[in-house]
Amino acid sequence: MATGLATTVTLSLPQWLVADIPALPSHLDTHEEQMALVHRLADRNWREGGGGPFAAIVVDAGTGELVSVGVNVVLGTGVSSGHAEVMALGLAQTRLGTWDLGAERDLALVVNWRPCVQCYGATLWSGVKHLVVAGDGPELERLTRFDEGPMVADWAAQFEARGIEVTQDVLREEALAVYRAYGDSAATVYNARGTGPIESD
């Protein structure tokens, strides 16, 4: 008989963000306002040491209501799937009591770069109807040394084909500034097999 096997996995927001939640705006009316919050959370997250420079939020696309927030918690939890998108989507699903975030709401995921291969799938299956990203391209991997995985070239078209509207290049330069600061630091880059393939410009 197997003994000592783990039976639960818990992913929780870091305490600094939990403490900040009451002060967050309840509504963010524009993509720029939404992305500005994402960048602020992403920049603080890596400086706090619990994960990489990544954050995401789920908002109501019509009203701007803030439904959930997420940051990367890989280092803080020791769970490699604890990415910002997974956190934001999971917390939205928990709050609304449904695995399908498009069943009754017109919801958007706002994130500070095109999702990695893991979060690409998580976003596809979440039910959100909109994806708003700060950018796409090799800059994230070059500046941070993270391996984002073998993304398909037509990633945005694949989202659109599944009814997920994609908006790109919202506060792109601000995203790159966060990645540049991270890359210039001594923060841990937690690629499981070391530095992965980095594309060149």
N, C-alpha and C. Protein backbone atom coordinates (compact mmCIF):
# COMPACT_ATOMS: atom_id res chain seq x y z
N MET A 1 0.84 -1.18 0.00
CA MET A 1 0.00 0.00 0.00
C MET A 1 0.89 1.25 0.00
N ALA A 2 0.55 2.18 -0.87
CA ALA A 2 1.31 3.43 -0.95
C ALA A 2 0.98 4.31 0.25
N THR A 3 2.01 4.83 0.87
CA THR A 3 1.80 5.73 2.00
C THR A 3 2.60 7.00 1.77
N GLY A 4 2.18 8.04 2.43
CA GLY A 4 2.90 9.30 2.35
C GLY A 4 2.69 10.08 1.06
N LEU A 5 1.70 9.67 0.25
CA LEU A 5 1.44 10.38 -0.99
C LEU A 5 0.65 11.66 -0.71
N ALA A 6 1.00 12.74 -1.40
CA ALA A 6 0.25 13.99 -1.25
C ALA A 6 -1.15 13.83 -1.82
N THR A 7 -2.12 14.48 -1.21
CA THR A 7 -3.51 14.37 -1.65
C THR A 7 -4.15 15.71 -1.99
N THR A 8 -3.46 16.79 -1.77
CA THR A 8 -4.00 18.10 -2.14
C THR A 8 -2.89 18.98 -2.69
N VAL A 9 -3.30 19.92 -3.52
CA VAL A 9 -2.40 20.96 -4.00
C VAL A 9 -3.08 22.29 -3.71
N THR A 10 -2.37 23.18 -3.06
CA THR A 10 -2.95 24.48 -2.72
C THR A 10 -2.13 25.58 -3.37
N LEU A 11 -2.80 26.43 -4.13
CA LEU A 11 -2.17 27.60 -4.72
C LEU A 11 -2.89 28.83 -4.18
N SER A 12 -2.16 29.65 -3.47
CA SER A 12 -2.74 30.84 -2.85
C SER A 12 -1.96 32.08 -3.26
N LEU A 13 -2.65 33.20 -3.31
CA LEU A 13 -1.97 34.46 -3.58
C LEU A 13 -1.00 34.79 -2.45
N PRO A 14 0.09 35.46 -2.76
CA PRO A 14 1.03 35.86 -1.70
C PRO A 14 0.38 36.85 -0.74
N GLN A 15 0.87 36.88 0.48
CA GLN A 15 0.25 37.71 1.51
C GLN A 15 0.28 39.19 1.18
N TRP A 16 1.32 39.66 0.50
CA TRP A 16 1.36 41.08 0.17
C TRP A 16 0.19 41.47 -0.73
N LEU A 17 -0.19 40.56 -1.66
CA LEU A 17 -1.30 40.85 -2.56
C LEU A 17 -2.64 40.69 -1.85
N VAL A 18 -2.74 39.68 -1.00
CA VAL A 18 -3.97 39.53 -0.20
C VAL A 18 -4.23 40.79 0.61
N ALA A 19 -3.17 41.33 1.20
CA ALA A 19 -3.31 42.55 1.99
C ALA A 19 -3.69 43.74 1.14
N ASP A 20 -3.28 43.75 -0.12
CA ASP A 20 -3.56 44.89 -1.01
C ASP A 20 -4.94 44.82 -1.66
N ILE A 21 -5.59 43.68 -1.66
CA ILE A 21 -6.84 43.52 -2.38
C ILE A 21 -7.90 44.55 -1.98
N PRO A 22 -8.10 44.86 -0.69
CA PRO A 22 -9.14 45.85 -0.35
C PRO A 22 -8.90 47.22 -0.98
N ALA A 23 -7.66 47.54 -1.30
CA ALA A 23 -7.35 48.85 -1.86
C ALA A 23 -7.39 48.86 -3.39
N LEU A 24 -7.57 47.71 -4.03
CA LEU A 24 -7.63 47.67 -5.48
C LEU A 24 -8.93 48.27 -5.98
N PRO A 25 -8.93 48.88 -7.15
CA PRO A 25 -10.17 49.44 -7.69
C PRO A 25 -11.18 48.34 -7.99
N SER A 26 -12.44 48.62 -7.77
CA SER A 26 -13.48 47.62 -8.06
C SER A 26 -13.79 47.55 -9.55
N HIS A 27 -13.50 48.64 -10.27
CA HIS A 27 -13.75 48.70 -11.70
C HIS A 27 -12.56 49.36 -12.40
N LEU A 28 -12.24 48.85 -13.57
CA LEU A 28 -11.19 49.39 -14.42
C LEU A 28 -11.78 49.49 -15.82
N ASP A 29 -12.08 50.70 -16.24
CA ASP A 29 -12.92 50.89 -17.41
C ASP A 29 -12.23 50.65 -18.75
N THR A 30 -10.94 50.87 -18.84
CA THR A 30 -10.25 50.76 -20.12
C THR A 30 -9.18 49.68 -20.07
N HIS A 31 -8.78 49.22 -21.26
CA HIS A 31 -7.70 48.24 -21.32
C HIS A 31 -6.43 48.81 -20.70
N GLU A 32 -6.19 50.09 -20.90
CA GLU A 32 -4.99 50.71 -20.36
C GLU A 32 -5.01 50.72 -18.83
N GLU A 33 -6.15 51.03 -18.24
CA GLU A 33 -6.26 51.00 -16.78
C GLU A 33 -6.06 49.58 -16.27
N GLN A 34 -6.64 48.62 -16.95
CA GLN A 34 -6.51 47.23 -16.55
C GLN A 34 -5.06 46.77 -16.64
N MET A 35 -4.40 47.10 -17.76
CA MET A 35 -3.03 46.65 -17.94
C MET A 35 -2.08 47.36 -16.98
N ALA A 36 -2.37 48.61 -16.66
CA ALA A 36 -1.51 49.32 -15.71
C ALA A 36 -1.49 48.61 -14.36
N LEU A 37 -2.66 48.10 -13.93
CA LEU A 37 -2.71 47.34 -12.69
C LEU A 37 -1.90 46.04 -12.83
N VAL A 38 -2.05 45.37 -13.94
CA VAL A 38 -1.31 44.13 -14.18
C VAL A 38 0.19 44.39 -14.09
N HIS A 39 0.66 45.45 -14.72
CA HIS A 39 2.10 45.76 -14.68
C HIS A 39 2.56 46.06 -13.26
N ARG A 40 1.74 46.79 -12.52
CA ARG A 40 2.12 47.13 -11.15
C ARG A 40 2.25 45.86 -10.30
N LEU A 41 1.31 44.94 -10.45
CA LEU A 41 1.35 43.69 -9.70
C LEU A 41 2.53 42.81 -10.14
N ALA A 42 2.78 42.76 -11.45
CA ALA A 42 3.87 41.94 -11.97
C ALA A 42 5.22 42.44 -11.46
N ASP A 43 5.40 43.74 -11.45
CA ASP A 43 6.67 44.30 -11.01
C ASP A 43 6.89 44.05 -9.52
N ARG A 44 5.86 44.22 -8.74
CA ARG A 44 6.03 43.97 -7.31
C ARG A 44 6.23 42.49 -7.03
N ASN A 45 5.57 41.64 -7.81
CA ASN A 45 5.63 40.20 -7.53
C ASN A 45 7.05 39.67 -7.55
N TRP A 46 7.81 39.98 -8.57
CA TRP A 46 9.17 39.43 -8.61
C TRP A 46 10.06 40.06 -7.54
N ARG A 47 9.79 41.32 -7.21
CA ARG A 47 10.59 41.98 -6.18
C ARG A 47 10.32 41.39 -4.79
N GLU A 48 9.11 40.84 -4.61
CA GLU A 48 8.77 40.18 -3.34
C GLU A 48 9.37 38.78 -3.24
N GLY A 49 9.77 38.20 -4.38
CA GLY A 49 10.49 36.94 -4.36
C GLY A 49 9.66 35.67 -4.47
N GLY A 50 8.35 35.80 -4.68
CA GLY A 50 7.51 34.61 -4.72
C GLY A 50 7.30 34.01 -6.08
N GLY A 51 7.75 34.71 -7.12
CA GLY A 51 7.55 34.22 -8.47
C GLY A 51 8.08 35.19 -9.49
N GLY A 52 7.82 34.91 -10.74
CA GLY A 52 8.34 35.72 -11.83
C GLY A 52 7.57 37.01 -12.03
N PRO A 53 7.99 37.81 -13.02
CA PRO A 53 7.39 39.13 -13.27
C PRO A 53 6.12 39.05 -14.10
N PHE A 54 5.16 38.28 -13.59
CA PHE A 54 3.94 38.03 -14.35
C PHE A 54 2.72 38.22 -13.47
N ALA A 55 1.69 38.85 -14.05
CA ALA A 55 0.42 39.05 -13.36
C ALA A 55 -0.71 38.98 -14.38
N ALA A 56 -1.90 38.74 -13.88
CA ALA A 56 -3.08 38.67 -14.74
C ALA A 56 -4.30 39.03 -13.92
N ILE A 57 -5.30 39.55 -14.58
CA ILE A 57 -6.58 39.81 -13.93
C ILE A 57 -7.71 39.33 -14.84
N VAL A 58 -8.84 39.06 -14.23
CA VAL A 58 -10.07 38.79 -14.98
C VAL A 58 -11.02 39.94 -14.70
N VAL A 59 -11.54 40.51 -15.77
CA VAL A 59 -12.48 41.64 -15.64
C VAL A 59 -13.71 41.37 -16.47
N ASP A 60 -14.80 42.04 -16.12
CA ASP A 60 -16.01 42.02 -16.94
C ASP A 60 -15.77 42.95 -18.11
N ALA A 61 -15.86 42.43 -19.32
CA ALA A 61 -15.53 43.22 -20.51
C ALA A 61 -16.50 44.37 -20.72
N GLY A 62 -17.71 44.25 -20.22
CA GLY A 62 -18.69 45.30 -20.42
C GLY A 62 -18.66 46.38 -19.36
N THR A 63 -18.50 45.97 -18.11
CA THR A 63 -18.59 46.93 -17.00
C THR A 63 -17.24 47.33 -16.42
N GLY A 64 -16.21 46.56 -16.73
CA GLY A 64 -14.89 46.82 -16.15
C GLY A 64 -14.73 46.30 -14.74
N GLU A 65 -15.72 45.57 -14.22
CA GLU A 65 -15.62 45.04 -12.85
C GLU A 65 -14.41 44.11 -12.72
N LEU A 66 -13.65 44.31 -11.67
CA LEU A 66 -12.51 43.43 -11.38
C LEU A 66 -13.03 42.17 -10.70
N VAL A 67 -12.86 41.03 -11.37
CA VAL A 67 -13.39 39.76 -10.87
C VAL A 67 -12.34 38.98 -10.09
N SER A 68 -11.09 39.01 -10.54
CA SER A 68 -10.02 38.30 -9.83
C SER A 68 -8.67 38.86 -10.22
N VAL A 69 -7.68 38.59 -9.38
CA VAL A 69 -6.29 38.96 -9.67
C VAL A 69 -5.42 37.73 -9.47
N GLY A 70 -4.32 37.69 -10.22
CA GLY A 70 -3.39 36.58 -10.06
C GLY A 70 -1.97 37.03 -10.34
N VAL A 71 -1.02 36.43 -9.67
CA VAL A 71 0.39 36.63 -9.95
C VAL A 71 1.06 35.26 -9.99
N ASN A 72 2.25 35.22 -10.53
CA ASN A 72 3.01 33.98 -10.59
C ASN A 72 3.46 33.60 -9.19
N VAL A 73 3.15 32.36 -8.78
CA VAL A 73 3.46 31.91 -7.41
C VAL A 73 4.36 30.67 -7.40
N VAL A 74 5.10 30.46 -8.49
CA VAL A 74 5.90 29.23 -8.61
C VAL A 74 6.91 29.09 -7.48
N LEU A 75 7.67 30.12 -7.22
CA LEU A 75 8.70 30.02 -6.18
C LEU A 75 8.09 29.95 -4.79
N GLY A 76 7.02 30.68 -4.57
CA GLY A 76 6.40 30.70 -3.25
C GLY A 76 5.69 29.41 -2.89
N THR A 77 5.21 28.67 -3.91
CA THR A 77 4.46 27.44 -3.65
C THR A 77 5.24 26.18 -3.99
N GLY A 78 6.26 26.29 -4.82
CA GLY A 78 6.97 25.11 -5.28
C GLY A 78 6.19 24.32 -6.31
N VAL A 79 5.18 24.94 -6.92
CA VAL A 79 4.34 24.27 -7.92
C VAL A 79 4.57 24.95 -9.27
N SER A 80 5.08 24.22 -10.24
CA SER A 80 5.50 24.83 -11.51
C SER A 80 4.33 25.37 -12.33
N SER A 81 3.12 24.88 -12.08
CA SER A 81 1.96 25.37 -12.84
C SER A 81 1.33 26.61 -12.23
N GLY A 82 1.92 27.15 -11.17
CA GLY A 82 1.35 28.30 -10.49
C GLY A 82 1.60 29.61 -11.21
N HIS A 83 1.17 29.68 -12.46
CA HIS A 83 1.37 30.88 -13.27
C HIS A 83 0.26 31.89 -13.02
N ALA A 84 0.51 33.12 -13.41
CA ALA A 84 -0.45 34.20 -13.14
C ALA A 84 -1.81 33.95 -13.77
N GLU A 85 -1.82 33.47 -15.01
CA GLU A 85 -3.09 33.21 -15.69
C GLU A 85 -3.87 32.10 -14.99
N VAL A 86 -3.16 31.05 -14.59
CA VAL A 86 -3.82 29.94 -13.88
C VAL A 86 -4.44 30.45 -12.58
N MET A 87 -3.72 31.31 -11.88
CA MET A 87 -4.24 31.86 -10.64
C MET A 87 -5.47 32.73 -10.88
N ALA A 88 -5.37 33.67 -11.82
CA ALA A 88 -6.49 34.58 -12.08
C ALA A 88 -7.72 33.83 -12.56
N LEU A 89 -7.53 32.90 -13.47
CA LEU A 89 -8.67 32.14 -13.99
C LEU A 89 -9.27 31.25 -12.91
N GLY A 90 -8.43 30.55 -12.16
CA GLY A 90 -8.93 29.67 -11.10
C GLY A 90 -9.67 30.43 -10.02
N LEU A 91 -9.13 31.58 -9.64
CA LEU A 91 -9.80 32.37 -8.60
C LEU A 91 -11.11 32.95 -9.10
N ALA A 92 -11.18 33.32 -10.38
CA ALA A 92 -12.45 33.78 -10.95
C ALA A 92 -13.47 32.64 -10.96
N GLN A 93 -13.03 31.44 -11.34
CA GLN A 93 -13.94 30.29 -11.35
C GLN A 93 -14.42 29.95 -9.95
N THR A 94 -13.53 30.06 -8.97
CA THR A 94 -13.92 29.81 -7.59
C THR A 94 -14.92 30.85 -7.10
N ARG A 95 -14.65 32.11 -7.40
CA ARG A 95 -15.55 33.19 -6.96
C ARG A 95 -16.93 33.05 -7.58
N LEU A 96 -16.98 32.70 -8.88
CA LEU A 96 -18.26 32.65 -9.59
C LEU A 96 -18.91 31.27 -9.52
N GLY A 97 -18.19 30.29 -9.01
CA GLY A 97 -18.76 28.96 -8.84
C GLY A 97 -18.99 28.21 -10.14
N THR A 98 -18.11 28.41 -11.13
CA THR A 98 -18.29 27.74 -12.41
C THR A 98 -16.94 27.55 -13.10
N TRP A 99 -16.80 26.45 -13.80
CA TRP A 99 -15.59 26.22 -14.58
C TRP A 99 -15.64 26.94 -15.91
N ASP A 100 -16.84 27.40 -16.32
CA ASP A 100 -17.04 28.06 -17.61
C ASP A 100 -17.23 29.55 -17.39
N LEU A 101 -16.19 30.33 -17.61
CA LEU A 101 -16.26 31.77 -17.36
C LEU A 101 -17.01 32.53 -18.45
N GLY A 102 -17.48 31.82 -19.46
CA GLY A 102 -18.28 32.46 -20.49
C GLY A 102 -19.73 32.07 -20.48
N ALA A 103 -20.13 31.27 -19.50
CA ALA A 103 -21.50 30.77 -19.48
C ALA A 103 -22.52 31.87 -19.24
N GLU A 104 -22.21 32.76 -18.28
CA GLU A 104 -23.17 33.79 -17.93
C GLU A 104 -22.58 35.19 -17.93
N ARG A 105 -21.26 35.31 -18.14
CA ARG A 105 -20.60 36.60 -18.09
C ARG A 105 -19.75 36.81 -19.34
N ASP A 106 -19.52 38.06 -19.67
CA ASP A 106 -18.65 38.42 -20.79
C ASP A 106 -17.32 38.85 -20.19
N LEU A 107 -16.44 37.88 -19.93
CA LEU A 107 -15.23 38.12 -19.16
C LEU A 107 -13.98 38.15 -20.03
N ALA A 108 -13.01 38.93 -19.57
CA ALA A 108 -11.73 39.07 -20.27
C ALA A 108 -10.59 38.72 -19.33
N LEU A 109 -9.58 38.06 -19.86
CA LEU A 109 -8.32 37.83 -19.16
C LEU A 109 -7.32 38.86 -19.66
N VAL A 110 -6.74 39.61 -18.75
CA VAL A 110 -5.76 40.64 -19.09
C VAL A 110 -4.43 40.22 -18.50
N VAL A 111 -3.40 40.10 -19.35
CA VAL A 111 -2.12 39.56 -18.89
C VAL A 111 -0.96 40.30 -19.55
N ASN A 112 0.19 40.33 -18.89
CA ASN A 112 1.26 41.19 -19.35
C ASN A 112 2.18 40.59 -20.42
N TRP A 113 1.74 39.56 -21.12
CA TRP A 113 2.36 39.09 -22.36
C TRP A 113 1.50 37.98 -22.91
N ARG A 114 1.79 37.58 -24.13
CA ARG A 114 1.10 36.41 -24.69
C ARG A 114 1.35 35.20 -23.80
N PRO A 115 0.28 34.42 -23.48
CA PRO A 115 0.47 33.29 -22.56
C PRO A 115 1.50 32.29 -23.05
N CYS A 116 2.17 31.63 -22.08
CA CYS A 116 3.08 30.54 -22.40
C CYS A 116 2.28 29.33 -22.86
N VAL A 117 2.95 28.24 -23.19
CA VAL A 117 2.23 27.08 -23.71
C VAL A 117 1.23 26.52 -22.70
N GLN A 118 1.59 26.51 -21.42
CA GLN A 118 0.66 26.01 -20.41
C GLN A 118 -0.58 26.90 -20.31
N CYS A 119 -0.34 28.20 -20.21
CA CYS A 119 -1.45 29.13 -19.99
C CYS A 119 -2.27 29.36 -21.24
N TYR A 120 -1.68 29.06 -22.40
CA TYR A 120 -2.43 29.06 -23.65
C TYR A 120 -3.60 28.08 -23.55
N GLY A 121 -3.31 26.86 -23.11
CA GLY A 121 -4.37 25.87 -22.94
C GLY A 121 -5.34 26.25 -21.85
N ALA A 122 -4.82 26.74 -20.73
CA ALA A 122 -5.69 27.12 -19.61
C ALA A 122 -6.67 28.21 -20.03
N THR A 123 -6.20 29.15 -20.85
CA THR A 123 -7.07 30.23 -21.31
C THR A 123 -8.10 29.70 -22.29
N LEU A 124 -7.68 28.83 -23.22
CA LEU A 124 -8.61 28.26 -24.19
C LEU A 124 -9.79 27.58 -23.51
N TRP A 125 -9.50 26.81 -22.43
CA TRP A 125 -10.55 26.00 -21.82
C TRP A 125 -11.31 26.73 -20.71
N SER A 126 -10.92 27.95 -20.39
CA SER A 126 -11.53 28.66 -19.25
C SER A 126 -12.92 29.21 -19.54
N GLY A 127 -13.21 29.47 -20.80
CA GLY A 127 -14.49 30.06 -21.15
C GLY A 127 -14.47 31.57 -21.31
N VAL A 128 -13.34 32.23 -21.02
CA VAL A 128 -13.30 33.68 -21.21
C VAL A 128 -13.54 34.01 -22.68
N LYS A 129 -14.09 35.18 -22.93
CA LYS A 129 -14.43 35.58 -24.30
C LYS A 129 -13.45 36.60 -24.87
N HIS A 130 -12.55 37.08 -24.04
CA HIS A 130 -11.59 38.08 -24.49
C HIS A 130 -10.23 37.81 -23.84
N LEU A 131 -9.17 38.08 -24.60
CA LEU A 131 -7.81 38.02 -24.08
C LEU A 131 -7.12 39.33 -24.46
N VAL A 132 -6.62 40.04 -23.46
CA VAL A 132 -5.93 41.31 -23.68
C VAL A 132 -4.49 41.12 -23.22
N VAL A 133 -3.54 41.36 -24.12
CA VAL A 133 -2.12 41.16 -23.78
C VAL A 133 -1.32 42.41 -24.06
N ALA A 134 -0.22 42.57 -23.31
CA ALA A 134 0.66 43.71 -23.52
C ALA A 134 1.49 43.54 -24.79
N GLY A 135 1.77 42.29 -25.17
CA GLY A 135 2.57 42.09 -26.36
C GLY A 135 2.80 40.63 -26.67
N ASP A 136 3.53 40.41 -27.75
CA ASP A 136 3.91 39.09 -28.22
C ASP A 136 5.27 39.23 -28.88
N GLY A 137 6.04 38.17 -28.87
CA GLY A 137 7.33 38.23 -29.53
C GLY A 137 8.44 37.73 -28.63
N PRO A 138 9.67 37.71 -29.14
CA PRO A 138 10.80 37.11 -28.43
C PRO A 138 11.36 37.96 -27.30
N GLU A 139 10.89 39.19 -27.16
CA GLU A 139 11.49 40.08 -26.17
C GLU A 139 11.39 39.54 -24.75
N LEU A 140 10.26 38.94 -24.39
CA LEU A 140 10.11 38.41 -23.03
C LEU A 140 11.19 37.38 -22.73
N GLU A 141 11.37 36.43 -23.63
CA GLU A 141 12.37 35.38 -23.39
C GLU A 141 13.79 35.96 -23.38
N ARG A 142 14.04 36.89 -24.28
CA ARG A 142 15.38 37.48 -24.36
C ARG A 142 15.71 38.27 -23.10
N LEU A 143 14.75 39.05 -22.60
CA LEU A 143 15.01 39.91 -21.45
C LEU A 143 15.01 39.16 -20.12
N THR A 144 14.17 38.12 -20.01
CA THR A 144 14.02 37.43 -18.73
C THR A 144 14.73 36.09 -18.67
N ARG A 145 15.04 35.49 -19.82
CA ARG A 145 15.66 34.16 -19.94
C ARG A 145 14.69 33.03 -19.60
N PHE A 146 13.39 33.32 -19.56
CA PHE A 146 12.40 32.26 -19.39
C PHE A 146 12.15 31.54 -20.70
N ASP A 147 11.89 30.24 -20.61
CA ASP A 147 11.48 29.44 -21.77
C ASP A 147 9.96 29.39 -21.76
N GLU A 148 9.33 30.03 -22.73
CA GLU A 148 7.87 30.08 -22.80
C GLU A 148 7.27 28.88 -23.54
N GLY A 149 8.11 28.04 -24.12
CA GLY A 149 7.64 26.83 -24.78
C GLY A 149 7.36 27.03 -26.26
N PRO A 150 7.08 25.93 -26.96
CA PRO A 150 6.90 25.97 -28.41
C PRO A 150 5.51 26.45 -28.82
N MET A 151 5.27 27.74 -28.73
CA MET A 151 3.97 28.29 -29.10
C MET A 151 3.75 28.22 -30.61
N VAL A 152 2.51 27.98 -31.00
CA VAL A 152 2.17 27.97 -32.42
C VAL A 152 2.21 29.40 -32.95
N ALA A 153 2.61 29.54 -34.21
CA ALA A 153 2.75 30.88 -34.80
C ALA A 153 1.40 31.59 -34.90
N ASP A 154 0.34 30.83 -35.11
CA ASP A 154 -0.99 31.44 -35.28
C ASP A 154 -1.80 31.40 -33.98
N TRP A 155 -1.14 31.59 -32.85
CA TRP A 155 -1.80 31.48 -31.55
C TRP A 155 -3.02 32.38 -31.44
N ALA A 156 -2.91 33.62 -31.92
CA ALA A 156 -4.04 34.55 -31.79
C ALA A 156 -5.22 34.09 -32.66
N ALA A 157 -4.93 33.62 -33.87
CA ALA A 157 -5.98 33.14 -34.75
C ALA A 157 -6.68 31.93 -34.15
N GLN A 158 -5.94 31.08 -33.44
CA GLN A 158 -6.54 29.92 -32.79
C GLN A 158 -7.50 30.34 -31.68
N PHE A 159 -7.14 31.38 -30.93
CA PHE A 159 -8.08 31.92 -29.94
C PHE A 159 -9.32 32.45 -30.63
N GLU A 160 -9.13 33.25 -31.66
CA GLU A 160 -10.26 33.87 -32.37
C GLU A 160 -11.19 32.80 -32.94
N ALA A 161 -10.61 31.70 -33.45
CA ALA A 161 -11.42 30.62 -34.03
C ALA A 161 -12.30 29.96 -32.97
N ARG A 162 -11.92 30.11 -31.71
CA ARG A 162 -12.70 29.52 -30.62
C ARG A 162 -13.54 30.57 -29.89
N GLY A 163 -13.74 31.70 -30.53
CA GLY A 163 -14.63 32.73 -29.99
C GLY A 163 -14.00 33.61 -28.93
N ILE A 164 -12.66 33.65 -28.86
CA ILE A 164 -11.97 34.48 -27.88
C ILE A 164 -11.32 35.65 -28.61
N GLU A 165 -11.85 36.84 -28.41
CA GLU A 165 -11.32 38.03 -29.07
C GLU A 165 -9.97 38.40 -28.45
N VAL A 166 -8.98 38.67 -29.29
CA VAL A 166 -7.63 38.99 -28.83
C VAL A 166 -7.30 40.45 -29.11
N THR A 167 -6.86 41.15 -28.08
CA THR A 167 -6.39 42.53 -28.21
C THR A 167 -4.92 42.55 -27.79
N GLN A 168 -4.06 43.07 -28.67
CA GLN A 168 -2.62 43.05 -28.41
C GLN A 168 -2.03 44.45 -28.26
N ASP A 169 -0.83 44.49 -27.73
CA ASP A 169 -0.01 45.69 -27.64
C ASP A 169 -0.64 46.80 -26.80
N VAL A 170 -1.15 46.42 -25.64
CA VAL A 170 -1.67 47.39 -24.68
C VAL A 170 -0.56 47.67 -23.66
N LEU A 171 -0.04 48.87 -23.64
CA LEU A 171 1.07 49.26 -22.75
C LEU A 171 2.25 48.31 -22.90
N ARG A 172 2.62 48.03 -24.14
CA ARG A 172 3.70 47.10 -24.45
C ARG A 172 5.04 47.54 -23.84
N GLU A 173 5.38 48.81 -24.03
CA GLU A 173 6.67 49.27 -23.54
C GLU A 173 6.78 49.17 -22.02
N GLU A 174 5.68 49.37 -21.33
CA GLU A 174 5.67 49.23 -19.88
C GLU A 174 5.94 47.79 -19.46
N ALA A 175 5.41 46.84 -20.23
CA ALA A 175 5.69 45.42 -19.96
C ALA A 175 7.17 45.13 -20.13
N LEU A 176 7.76 45.64 -21.20
CA LEU A 176 9.17 45.40 -21.45
C LEU A 176 10.05 46.01 -20.37
N ALA A 177 9.62 47.14 -19.82
CA ALA A 177 10.39 47.76 -18.73
C ALA A 177 10.44 46.86 -17.51
N VAL A 178 9.32 46.19 -17.20
CA VAL A 178 9.29 45.26 -16.06
C VAL A 178 10.21 44.08 -16.34
N TYR A 179 10.15 43.52 -17.55
CA TYR A 179 10.99 42.38 -17.88
C TYR A 179 12.47 42.75 -17.88
N ARG A 180 12.76 43.95 -18.34
CA ARG A 180 14.15 44.40 -18.36
C ARG A 180 14.71 44.52 -16.94
N ALA A 181 13.91 45.08 -16.04
CA ALA A 181 14.35 45.21 -14.65
C ALA A 181 14.56 43.84 -14.03
N TYR A 182 13.67 42.92 -14.31
CA TYR A 182 13.81 41.56 -13.80
C TYR A 182 15.09 40.91 -14.34
N GLY A 183 15.28 41.01 -15.65
CA GLY A 183 16.44 40.39 -16.27
C GLY A 183 17.75 40.94 -15.79
N ASP A 184 17.75 42.21 -15.40
CA ASP A 184 18.96 42.84 -14.90
C ASP A 184 19.24 42.52 -13.43
N SER A 185 18.30 41.85 -12.78
CA SER A 185 18.43 41.54 -11.36
C SER A 185 19.07 40.16 -11.17
N ALA A 186 19.19 39.77 -9.91
CA ALA A 186 19.71 38.44 -9.60
C ALA A 186 18.59 37.46 -9.27
N ALA A 187 17.37 37.76 -9.71
CA ALA A 187 16.23 36.90 -9.41
C ALA A 187 16.39 35.53 -10.06
N THR A 188 15.78 34.52 -9.43
CA THR A 188 15.85 33.15 -9.92
C THR A 188 15.02 32.96 -11.17
N VAL A 189 15.64 32.43 -12.22
CA VAL A 189 14.92 32.03 -13.44
C VAL A 189 14.70 30.53 -13.33
N TYR A 190 13.44 30.11 -13.17
CA TYR A 190 13.17 28.73 -12.78
C TYR A 190 12.76 27.83 -13.94
N ASN A 191 13.48 27.89 -15.05
CA ASN A 191 13.30 26.88 -16.09
C ASN A 191 13.74 25.53 -15.52
N ALA A 192 12.91 24.50 -15.70
CA ALA A 192 13.18 23.22 -15.06
C ALA A 192 14.49 22.58 -15.53
N ARG A 193 14.89 22.81 -16.76
CA ARG A 193 16.11 22.21 -17.30
C ARG A 193 17.15 23.27 -17.61
N GLY A 194 17.14 24.34 -16.87
CA GLY A 194 18.06 25.42 -17.17
C GLY A 194 17.47 26.35 -18.20
N THR A 195 18.29 27.17 -18.79
CA THR A 195 17.82 28.13 -19.79
C THR A 195 17.36 27.41 -21.02
N GLY A 196 16.14 27.68 -21.44
CA GLY A 196 15.59 27.06 -22.62
C GLY A 196 15.98 27.82 -23.88
N PRO A 197 15.43 27.40 -25.03
CA PRO A 197 15.78 28.08 -26.28
C PRO A 197 15.27 29.52 -26.27
N ILE A 198 16.14 30.45 -26.56
CA ILE A 198 15.77 31.86 -26.58
C ILE A 198 15.84 32.34 -28.02
N GLU A 199 14.74 32.87 -28.51
CA GLU A 199 14.71 33.37 -29.88
C GLU A 199 15.46 34.70 -29.96
N SER A 200 15.98 34.97 -31.11
CA SER A 200 16.66 36.26 -31.31
C SER A 200 15.74 37.20 -32.08
N ASP A 201 16.01 38.49 -31.96
CA ASP A 201 15.19 39.47 -32.68
C ASP A 201 15.45 39.42 -34.17
